[in-house]
Amino acid sequence: MSGQKIKLKWDFRGPEANQTAKHFLTHLIEFLQKENLPHYNKKSCQGLEQTSTYLCSVFLIIELKELTFFKEHLKPHRAFYEKS
């Protein structure tokens, strides 16, 4: 991957936040495989971030040029510019 990167995030809240986020990450990986996007299927490009007992997020780092595709298909909750 090269160029400007964007970090997409999906937030999960509540006592089952971690389990729900893990389940979502499984489906995210399946989506990347189905859409033939193996360059995003690396540990450095996707994963979990647990903020607290009741907040867990899934992230995916993408290239800016593919932002529209991911927004339309996966509807992330938040997005940030990722530092290189």
PDB file of N, CA and C in Angstrom:
ATOM      1  N   MET A   1       0.845  -1.176   0.000  1.00  0.00           N
ATOM      2  CA  MET A   1       0.000   0.000   0.000  1.00  0.00           C
ATOM      3  C   MET A   1       0.890   1.238   0.000  1.00  0.00           C
ATOM      4  N   SER A   2       0.463   2.231  -0.752  1.00  0.00           N
ATOM      5  CA  SER A   2       1.192   3.490  -0.759  1.00  0.00           C
ATOM      6  C   SER A   2       0.189   4.625  -0.841  1.00  0.00           C
ATOM      7  N   GLY A   3       0.655   5.843  -0.593  1.00  0.00           N
ATOM      8  CA  GLY A   3      -0.241   6.986  -0.630  1.00  0.00           C
ATOM      9  C   GLY A   3      -0.878   7.241   0.721  1.00  0.00           C
ATOM     10  N   GLN A   4      -1.795   8.212   0.742  1.00  0.00           N
ATOM     11  CA  GLN A   4      -2.484   8.589   1.982  1.00  0.00           C
ATOM     12  C   GLN A   4      -3.337   7.440   2.493  1.00  0.00           C
ATOM     13  N   LYS A   5      -3.269   7.206   3.796  1.00  0.00           N
ATOM     14  CA  LYS A   5      -4.013   6.094   4.399  1.00  0.00           C
ATOM     15  C   LYS A   5      -5.090   6.626   5.335  1.00  0.00           C
ATOM     16  N   ILE A   6      -6.180   5.876   5.414  1.00  0.00           N
ATOM     17  CA  ILE A   6      -7.316   6.204   6.264  1.00  0.00           C
ATOM     18  C   ILE A   6      -7.554   5.024   7.200  1.00  0.00           C
ATOM     19  N   LYS A   7      -7.822   5.317   8.459  1.00  0.00           N
ATOM     20  CA  LYS A   7      -8.139   4.271   9.437  1.00  0.00           C
ATOM     21  C   LYS A   7      -9.646   4.299   9.678  1.00  0.00           C
ATOM     22  N   LEU A   8     -10.326   3.239   9.258  1.00  0.00           N
ATOM     23  CA  LEU A   8     -11.760   3.095   9.478  1.00  0.00           C
ATOM     24  C   LEU A   8     -11.974   2.376  10.799  1.00  0.00           C
ATOM     25  N   LYS A   9     -13.021   2.772  11.536  1.00  0.00           N
ATOM     26  CA  LYS A   9     -13.290   2.134  12.832  1.00  0.00           C
ATOM     27  C   LYS A   9     -14.773   1.834  12.989  1.00  0.00           C
ATOM     28  N   TRP A  10     -15.024   0.697  13.613  1.00  0.00           N
ATOM     29  CA  TRP A  10     -16.368   0.275  14.006  1.00  0.00           C
ATOM     30  C   TRP A  10     -16.325   0.060  15.513  1.00  0.00           C
ATOM     31  N   ASP A  11     -17.207   0.730  16.235  1.00  0.00           N
ATOM     32  CA  ASP A  11     -17.216   0.671  17.698  1.00  0.00           C
ATOM     33  C   ASP A  11     -18.302  -0.271  18.203  1.00  0.00           C
ATOM     34  N   PHE A  12     -17.963  -1.007  19.247  1.00  0.00           N
ATOM     35  CA  PHE A  12     -18.906  -1.924  19.890  1.00  0.00           C
ATOM     36  C   PHE A  12     -18.874  -1.642  21.383  1.00  0.00           C
ATOM     37  N   ARG A  13     -20.066  -1.483  21.951  1.00  0.00           N
ATOM     38  CA  ARG A  13     -20.173  -1.097  23.361  1.00  0.00           C
ATOM     39  C   ARG A  13     -20.980  -2.120  24.146  1.00  0.00           C
ATOM     40  N   GLY A  14     -20.729  -2.159  25.442  1.00  0.00           N
ATOM     41  CA  GLY A  14     -21.491  -3.026  26.324  1.00  0.00           C
ATOM     42  C   GLY A  14     -20.637  -4.143  26.885  1.00  0.00           C
ATOM     43  N   PRO A  15     -21.232  -4.971  27.743  1.00  0.00           N
ATOM     44  CA  PRO A  15     -20.469  -6.036  28.396  1.00  0.00           C
ATOM     45  C   PRO A  15     -19.939  -7.087  27.422  1.00  0.00           C
ATOM     46  N   GLU A  16     -20.544  -7.209  26.250  1.00  0.00           N
ATOM     47  CA  GLU A  16     -20.100  -8.186  25.245  1.00  0.00           C
ATOM     48  C   GLU A  16     -19.335  -7.523  24.098  1.00  0.00           C
ATOM     49  N   ALA A  17     -18.859  -6.301  24.306  1.00  0.00           N
ATOM     50  CA  ALA A  17     -18.207  -5.538  23.239  1.00  0.00           C
ATOM     51  C   ALA A  17     -17.044  -6.294  22.605  1.00  0.00           C
ATOM     52  N   ASN A  18     -16.195  -6.906  23.422  1.00  0.00           N
ATOM     53  CA  ASN A  18     -15.025  -7.608  22.894  1.00  0.00           C
ATOM     54  C   ASN A  18     -15.429  -8.784  22.015  1.00  0.00           C
ATOM     55  N   GLN A  19     -16.383  -9.582  22.465  1.00  0.00           N
ATOM     56  CA  GLN A  19     -16.825 -10.747  21.687  1.00  0.00           C
ATOM     57  C   GLN A  19     -17.503 -10.309  20.389  1.00  0.00           C
ATOM     58  N   THR A  20     -18.301  -9.254  20.455  1.00  0.00           N
ATOM     59  CA  THR A  20     -18.975  -8.751  19.258  1.00  0.00           C
ATOM     60  C   THR A  20     -17.954  -8.221  18.262  1.00  0.00           C
ATOM     61  N   ALA A  21     -16.946  -7.509  18.747  1.00  0.00           N
ATOM     62  CA  ALA A  21     -15.904  -6.977  17.874  1.00  0.00           C
ATOM     63  C   ALA A  21     -15.115  -8.112  17.215  1.00  0.00           C
ATOM     64  N   LYS A  22     -14.789  -9.147  17.969  1.00  0.00           N
ATOM     65  CA  LYS A  22     -14.084 -10.303  17.390  1.00  0.00           C
ATOM     66  C   LYS A  22     -14.915 -10.947  16.288  1.00  0.00           C
ATOM     67  N   HIS A  23     -16.210 -11.067  16.526  1.00  0.00           N
ATOM     68  CA  HIS A  23     -17.112 -11.654  15.532  1.00  0.00           C
ATOM     69  C   HIS A  23     -17.157 -10.773  14.275  1.00  0.00           C
ATOM     70  N   PHE A  24     -17.256  -9.462  14.461  1.00  0.00           N
ATOM     71  CA  PHE A  24     -17.264  -8.541  13.328  1.00  0.00           C
ATOM     72  C   PHE A  24     -15.958  -8.637  12.549  1.00  0.00           C
ATOM     73  N   LEU A  25     -14.825  -8.730  13.253  1.00  0.00           N
ATOM     74  CA  LEU A  25     -13.525  -8.834  12.590  1.00  0.00           C
ATOM     75  C   LEU A  25     -13.456 -10.086  11.718  1.00  0.00           C
ATOM     76  N   THR A  26     -14.027 -11.178  12.186  1.00  0.00           N
ATOM     77  CA  THR A  26     -14.078 -12.410  11.383  1.00  0.00           C
ATOM     78  C   THR A  26     -14.798 -12.148  10.066  1.00  0.00           C
ATOM     79  N   HIS A  27     -15.935 -11.465  10.135  1.00  0.00           N
ATOM     80  CA  HIS A  27     -16.692 -11.161   8.916  1.00  0.00           C
ATOM     81  C   HIS A  27     -15.964 -10.144   8.039  1.00  0.00           C
ATOM     82  N   LEU A  28     -15.245  -9.215   8.644  1.00  0.00           N
ATOM     83  CA  LEU A  28     -14.462  -8.254   7.875  1.00  0.00           C
ATOM     84  C   LEU A  28     -13.384  -8.975   7.072  1.00  0.00           C
ATOM     85  N   ILE A  29     -12.699  -9.912   7.692  1.00  0.00           N
ATOM     86  CA  ILE A  29     -11.667 -10.688   6.997  1.00  0.00           C
ATOM     87  C   ILE A  29     -12.286 -11.499   5.862  1.00  0.00           C
ATOM     88  N   GLU A  30     -13.443 -12.095   6.091  1.00  0.00           N
ATOM     89  CA  GLU A  30     -14.149 -12.832   5.038  1.00  0.00           C
ATOM     90  C   GLU A  30     -14.501 -11.908   3.877  1.00  0.00           C
ATOM     91  N   PHE A  31     -14.951 -10.693   4.177  1.00  0.00           N
ATOM     92  CA  PHE A  31     -15.284  -9.717   3.142  1.00  0.00           C
ATOM     93  C   PHE A  31     -14.051  -9.380   2.309  1.00  0.00           C
ATOM     94  N   LEU A  32     -12.916  -9.147   2.957  1.00  0.00           N
ATOM     95  CA  LEU A  32     -11.687  -8.815   2.242  1.00  0.00           C
ATOM     96  C   LEU A  32     -11.272  -9.943   1.307  1.00  0.00           C
ATOM     97  N   GLN A  33     -11.453 -11.181   1.746  1.00  0.00           N
ATOM     98  CA  GLN A  33     -11.128 -12.329   0.898  1.00  0.00           C
ATOM     99  C   GLN A  33     -12.101 -12.428  -0.272  1.00  0.00           C
ATOM    100  N   LYS A  34     -13.386 -12.267   0.011  1.00  0.00           N
ATOM    101  CA  LYS A  34     -14.423 -12.364  -1.026  1.00  0.00           C
ATOM    102  C   LYS A  34     -14.238 -11.290  -2.100  1.00  0.00           C
ATOM    103  N   GLU A  35     -13.869 -10.091  -1.683  1.00  0.00           N
ATOM    104  CA  GLU A  35     -13.682  -8.974  -2.611  1.00  0.00           C
ATOM    105  C   GLU A  35     -12.284  -8.957  -3.233  1.00  0.00           C
ATOM    106  N   ASN A  36     -11.499  -9.993  -2.970  1.00  0.00           N
ATOM    107  CA  ASN A  36     -10.146 -10.126  -3.508  1.00  0.00           C
ATOM    108  C   ASN A  36      -9.274  -8.911  -3.150  1.00  0.00           C
ATOM    109  N   LEU A  37      -9.246  -8.601  -1.861  1.00  0.00           N
ATOM    110  CA  LEU A  37      -8.437  -7.501  -1.335  1.00  0.00           C
ATOM    111  C   LEU A  37      -7.420  -8.041  -0.330  1.00  0.00           C
ATOM    112  N   PRO A  38      -6.563  -8.984  -0.754  1.00  0.00           N
ATOM    113  CA  PRO A  38      -5.649  -9.630   0.192  1.00  0.00           C
ATOM    114  C   PRO A  38      -4.628  -8.676   0.802  1.00  0.00           C
ATOM    115  N   HIS A  39      -4.332  -7.554   0.129  1.00  0.00           N
ATOM    116  CA  HIS A  39      -3.349  -6.609   0.672  1.00  0.00           C
ATOM    117  C   HIS A  39      -3.846  -5.950   1.957  1.00  0.00           C
ATOM    118  N   TYR A  40      -5.153  -6.031   2.254  1.00  0.00           N
ATOM    119  CA  TYR A  40      -5.681  -5.503   3.508  1.00  0.00           C
ATOM    120  C   TYR A  40      -5.806  -6.586   4.569  1.00  0.00           C
ATOM    121  N   ASN A  41      -5.525  -7.815   4.213  1.00  0.00           N
ATOM    122  CA  ASN A  41      -5.719  -8.932   5.138  1.00  0.00           C
ATOM    123  C   ASN A  41      -4.435  -9.232   5.918  1.00  0.00           C
ATOM    124  N   LYS A  42      -3.750  -8.185   6.353  1.00  0.00           N
ATOM    125  CA  LYS A  42      -2.531  -8.319   7.152  1.00  0.00           C
ATOM    126  C   LYS A  42      -2.805  -7.783   8.545  1.00  0.00           C
ATOM    127  N   LYS A  43      -2.093  -8.301   9.522  1.00  0.00           N
ATOM    128  CA  LYS A  43      -2.276  -7.849  10.908  1.00  0.00           C
ATOM    129  C   LYS A  43      -1.996  -6.354  11.055  1.00  0.00           C
ATOM    130  N   SER A  44      -1.116  -5.804  10.219  1.00  0.00           N
ATOM    131  CA  SER A  44      -0.804  -4.378  10.329  1.00  0.00           C
ATOM    132  C   SER A  44      -1.922  -3.498   9.768  1.00  0.00           C
ATOM    133  N   CYS A  45      -2.819  -4.077   8.989  1.00  0.00           N
ATOM    134  CA  CYS A  45      -3.897  -3.314   8.352  1.00  0.00           C
ATOM    135  C   CYS A  45      -5.231  -3.427   9.069  1.00  0.00           C
ATOM    136  N   GLN A  46      -5.409  -4.446   9.899  1.00  0.00           N
ATOM    137  CA  GLN A  46      -6.695  -4.619  10.576  1.00  0.00           C
ATOM    138  C   GLN A  46      -6.486  -5.234  11.943  1.00  0.00           C
ATOM    139  N   GLY A  47      -7.471  -5.027  12.815  1.00  0.00           N
ATOM    140  CA  GLY A  47      -7.361  -5.598  14.147  1.00  0.00           C
ATOM    141  C   GLY A  47      -8.375  -5.022  15.118  1.00  0.00           C
ATOM    142  N   LEU A  48      -8.139  -5.328  16.409  1.00  0.00           N
ATOM    143  CA  LEU A  48      -9.010  -4.889  17.502  1.00  0.00           C
ATOM    144  C   LEU A  48      -8.273  -3.897  18.385  1.00  0.00           C
ATOM    145  N   GLU A  49      -9.026  -2.955  18.944  1.00  0.00           N
ATOM    146  CA  GLU A  49      -8.495  -2.035  19.945  1.00  0.00           C
ATOM    147  C   GLU A  49      -9.501  -1.997  21.088  1.00  0.00           C
ATOM    148  N   GLN A  50      -9.098  -2.470  22.254  1.00  0.00           N
ATOM    149  CA  GLN A  50      -9.993  -2.442  23.415  1.00  0.00           C
ATOM    150  C   GLN A  50      -9.662  -1.202  24.236  1.00  0.00           C
ATOM    151  N   THR A  51     -10.616  -0.282  24.308  1.00  0.00           N
ATOM    152  CA  THR A  51     -10.436   0.971  25.035  1.00  0.00           C
ATOM    153  C   THR A  51     -10.752   0.798  26.509  1.00  0.00           C
ATOM    154  N   SER A  52     -11.796   0.033  26.795  1.00  0.00           N
ATOM    155  CA  SER A  52     -12.194  -0.239  28.175  1.00  0.00           C
ATOM    156  C   SER A  52     -12.958  -1.556  28.199  1.00  0.00           C
ATOM    157  N   THR A  53     -13.434  -1.937  29.366  1.00  0.00           N
ATOM    158  CA  THR A  53     -14.206  -3.172  29.489  1.00  0.00           C
ATOM    159  C   THR A  53     -15.448  -3.138  28.610  1.00  0.00           C
ATOM    160  N   TYR A  54     -15.991  -1.943  28.407  1.00  0.00           N
ATOM    161  CA  TYR A  54     -17.256  -1.804  27.686  1.00  0.00           C
ATOM    162  C   TYR A  54     -17.133  -1.135  26.328  1.00  0.00           C
ATOM    163  N   LEU A  55     -15.925  -0.982  25.804  1.00  0.00           N
ATOM    164  CA  LEU A  55     -15.736  -0.391  24.479  1.00  0.00           C
ATOM    165  C   LEU A  55     -14.598  -1.092  23.764  1.00  0.00           C
ATOM    166  N   CYS A  56     -14.920  -1.648  22.611  1.00  0.00           N
ATOM    167  CA  CYS A  56     -13.927  -2.318  21.772  1.00  0.00           C
ATOM    168  C   CYS A  56     -14.184  -1.884  20.332  1.00  0.00           C
ATOM    169  N   SER A  57     -13.124  -1.628  19.586  1.00  0.00           N
ATOM    170  CA  SER A  57     -13.249  -1.178  18.205  1.00  0.00           C
ATOM    171  C   SER A  57     -12.499  -2.121  17.276  1.00  0.00           C
ATOM    172  N   VAL A  58     -13.020  -2.241  16.072  1.00  0.00           N
ATOM    173  CA  VAL A  58     -12.341  -2.946  14.990  1.00  0.00           C
ATOM    174  C   VAL A  58     -11.832  -1.864  14.048  1.00  0.00           C
ATOM    175  N   PHE A  59     -10.605  -2.020  13.552  1.00  0.00           N
ATOM    176  CA  PHE A  59     -10.086  -1.030  12.612  1.00  0.00           C
ATOM    177  C   PHE A  59      -9.599  -1.701  11.339  1.00  0.00           C
ATOM    178  N   LEU A  60      -9.590  -0.905  10.275  1.00  0.00           N
ATOM    179  CA  LEU A  60      -9.062  -1.321   8.983  1.00  0.00           C
ATOM    180  C   LEU A  60      -8.378  -0.106   8.382  1.00  0.00           C
ATOM    181  N   ILE A  61      -7.115  -0.248   8.015  1.00  0.00           N
ATOM    182  CA  ILE A  61      -6.370   0.846   7.404  1.00  0.00           C
ATOM    183  C   ILE A  61      -6.387   0.631   5.895  1.00  0.00           C
ATOM    184  N   ILE A  62      -6.910   1.633   5.192  1.00  0.00           N
ATOM    185  CA  ILE A  62      -7.085   1.532   3.741  1.00  0.00           C
ATOM    186  C   ILE A  62      -6.386   2.699   3.051  1.00  0.00           C
ATOM    187  N   GLU A  63      -6.331   2.629   1.728  1.00  0.00           N
ATOM    188  CA  GLU A  63      -5.828   3.747   0.944  1.00  0.00           C
ATOM    189  C   GLU A  63      -6.970   4.722   0.690  1.00  0.00           C
ATOM    190  N   LEU A  64      -6.656   6.000   0.694  1.00  0.00           N
ATOM    191  CA  LEU A  64      -7.653   7.045   0.499  1.00  0.00           C
ATOM    192  C   LEU A  64      -8.460   6.823  -0.780  1.00  0.00           C
ATOM    193  N   LYS A  65      -7.813   6.376  -1.844  1.00  0.00           N
ATOM    194  CA  LYS A  65      -8.500   6.201  -3.130  1.00  0.00           C
ATOM    195  C   LYS A  65      -9.609   5.146  -3.064  1.00  0.00           C
ATOM    196  N   GLU A  66      -9.609   4.276  -2.056  1.00  0.00           N
ATOM    197  CA  GLU A  66     -10.638   3.238  -1.931  1.00  0.00           C
ATOM    198  C   GLU A  66     -11.671   3.556  -0.852  1.00  0.00           C
ATOM    199  N   LEU A  67     -11.642   4.783  -0.328  1.00  0.00           N
ATOM    200  CA  LEU A  67     -12.540   5.163   0.757  1.00  0.00           C
ATOM    201  C   LEU A  67     -14.010   5.012   0.370  1.00  0.00           C
ATOM    202  N   THR A  68     -14.401   5.472  -0.798  1.00  0.00           N
ATOM    203  CA  THR A  68     -15.806   5.396  -1.219  1.00  0.00           C
ATOM    204  C   THR A  68     -16.287   3.954  -1.257  1.00  0.00           C
ATOM    205  N   PHE A  69     -15.483   3.056  -1.796  1.00  0.00           N
ATOM    206  CA  PHE A  69     -15.853   1.635  -1.859  1.00  0.00           C
ATOM    207  C   PHE A  69     -16.144   1.089  -0.464  1.00  0.00           C
ATOM    208  N   PHE A  70     -15.237   1.333   0.474  1.00  0.00           N
ATOM    209  CA  PHE A  70     -15.413   0.800   1.824  1.00  0.00           C
ATOM    210  C   PHE A  70     -16.563   1.477   2.559  1.00  0.00           C
ATOM    211  N   LYS A  71     -16.745   2.775   2.356  1.00  0.00           N
ATOM    212  CA  LYS A  71     -17.866   3.468   3.004  1.00  0.00           C
ATOM    213  C   LYS A  71     -19.201   2.906   2.526  1.00  0.00           C
ATOM    214  N   GLU A  72     -19.321   2.648   1.239  1.00  0.00           N
ATOM    215  CA  GLU A  72     -20.579   2.134   0.688  1.00  0.00           C
ATOM    216  C   GLU A  72     -20.861   0.702   1.127  1.00  0.00           C
ATOM    217  N   HIS A  73     -19.830  -0.115   1.200  1.00  0.00           N
ATOM    218  CA  HIS A  73     -20.031  -1.532   1.503  1.00  0.00           C
ATOM    219  C   HIS A  73     -20.032  -1.862   2.993  1.00  0.00           C
ATOM    220  N   LEU A  74     -19.239  -1.156   3.783  1.00  0.00           N
ATOM    221  CA  LEU A  74     -19.050  -1.545   5.184  1.00  0.00           C
ATOM    222  C   LEU A  74     -19.549  -0.524   6.202  1.00  0.00           C
ATOM    223  N   LYS A  75     -19.851   0.677   5.769  1.00  0.00           N
ATOM    224  CA  LYS A  75     -20.426   1.717   6.631  1.00  0.00           C
ATOM    225  C   LYS A  75     -19.702   1.870   7.979  1.00  0.00           C
ATOM    226  N   PRO A  76     -18.439   2.307   7.933  1.00  0.00           N
ATOM    227  CA  PRO A  76     -17.697   2.488   9.187  1.00  0.00           C
ATOM    228  C   PRO A  76     -18.330   3.568  10.058  1.00  0.00           C
ATOM    229  N   HIS A  77     -18.123   3.458  11.349  1.00  0.00           N
ATOM    230  CA  HIS A  77     -18.650   4.445  12.295  1.00  0.00           C
ATOM    231  C   HIS A  77     -17.811   5.720  12.296  1.00  0.00           C
ATOM    232  N   ARG A  78     -16.489   5.552  12.132  1.00  0.00           N
ATOM    233  CA  ARG A  78     -15.575   6.696  12.164  1.00  0.00           C
ATOM    234  C   ARG A  78     -14.432   6.457  11.192  1.00  0.00           C
ATOM    235  N   ALA A  79     -13.740   7.547  10.822  1.00  0.00           N
ATOM    236  CA  ALA A  79     -12.564   7.440   9.960  1.00  0.00           C
ATOM    237  C   ALA A  79     -11.584   8.554  10.320  1.00  0.00           C
ATOM    238  N   PHE A  80     -10.294   8.227  10.230  1.00  0.00           N
ATOM    239  CA  PHE A  80      -9.232   9.175  10.565  1.00  0.00           C
ATOM    240  C   PHE A  80      -8.121   9.043   9.530  1.00  0.00           C
ATOM    241  N   TYR A  81      -7.394  10.138   9.309  1.00  0.00           N
ATOM    242  CA  TYR A  81      -6.165  10.026   8.537  1.00  0.00           C
ATOM    243  C   TYR A  81      -5.162   9.268   9.388  1.00  0.00           C
ATOM    244  N   GLU A  82      -4.486   8.322   8.780  1.00  0.00           N
ATOM    245  CA  GLU A  82      -3.498   7.502   9.487  1.00  0.00           C
ATOM    246  C   GLU A  82      -2.107   8.061   9.221  1.00  0.00           C
ATOM    247  N   LYS A  83      -1.332   8.218  10.280  1.00  0.00           N
ATOM    248  CA  LYS A  83       0.043   8.695  10.138  1.00  0.00           C
ATOM    249  C   LYS A  83       0.890   7.580   9.549  1.00  0.00           C
ATOM    250  N   SER A  84       1.771   7.940   8.643  1.00  0.00           N
ATOM    251  CA  SER A  84       2.635   6.943   7.997  1.00  0.00           C
ATOM    252  C   SER A  84       3.720   6.466   8.916  1.00  0.00           C
TER     253      SER A  84
END
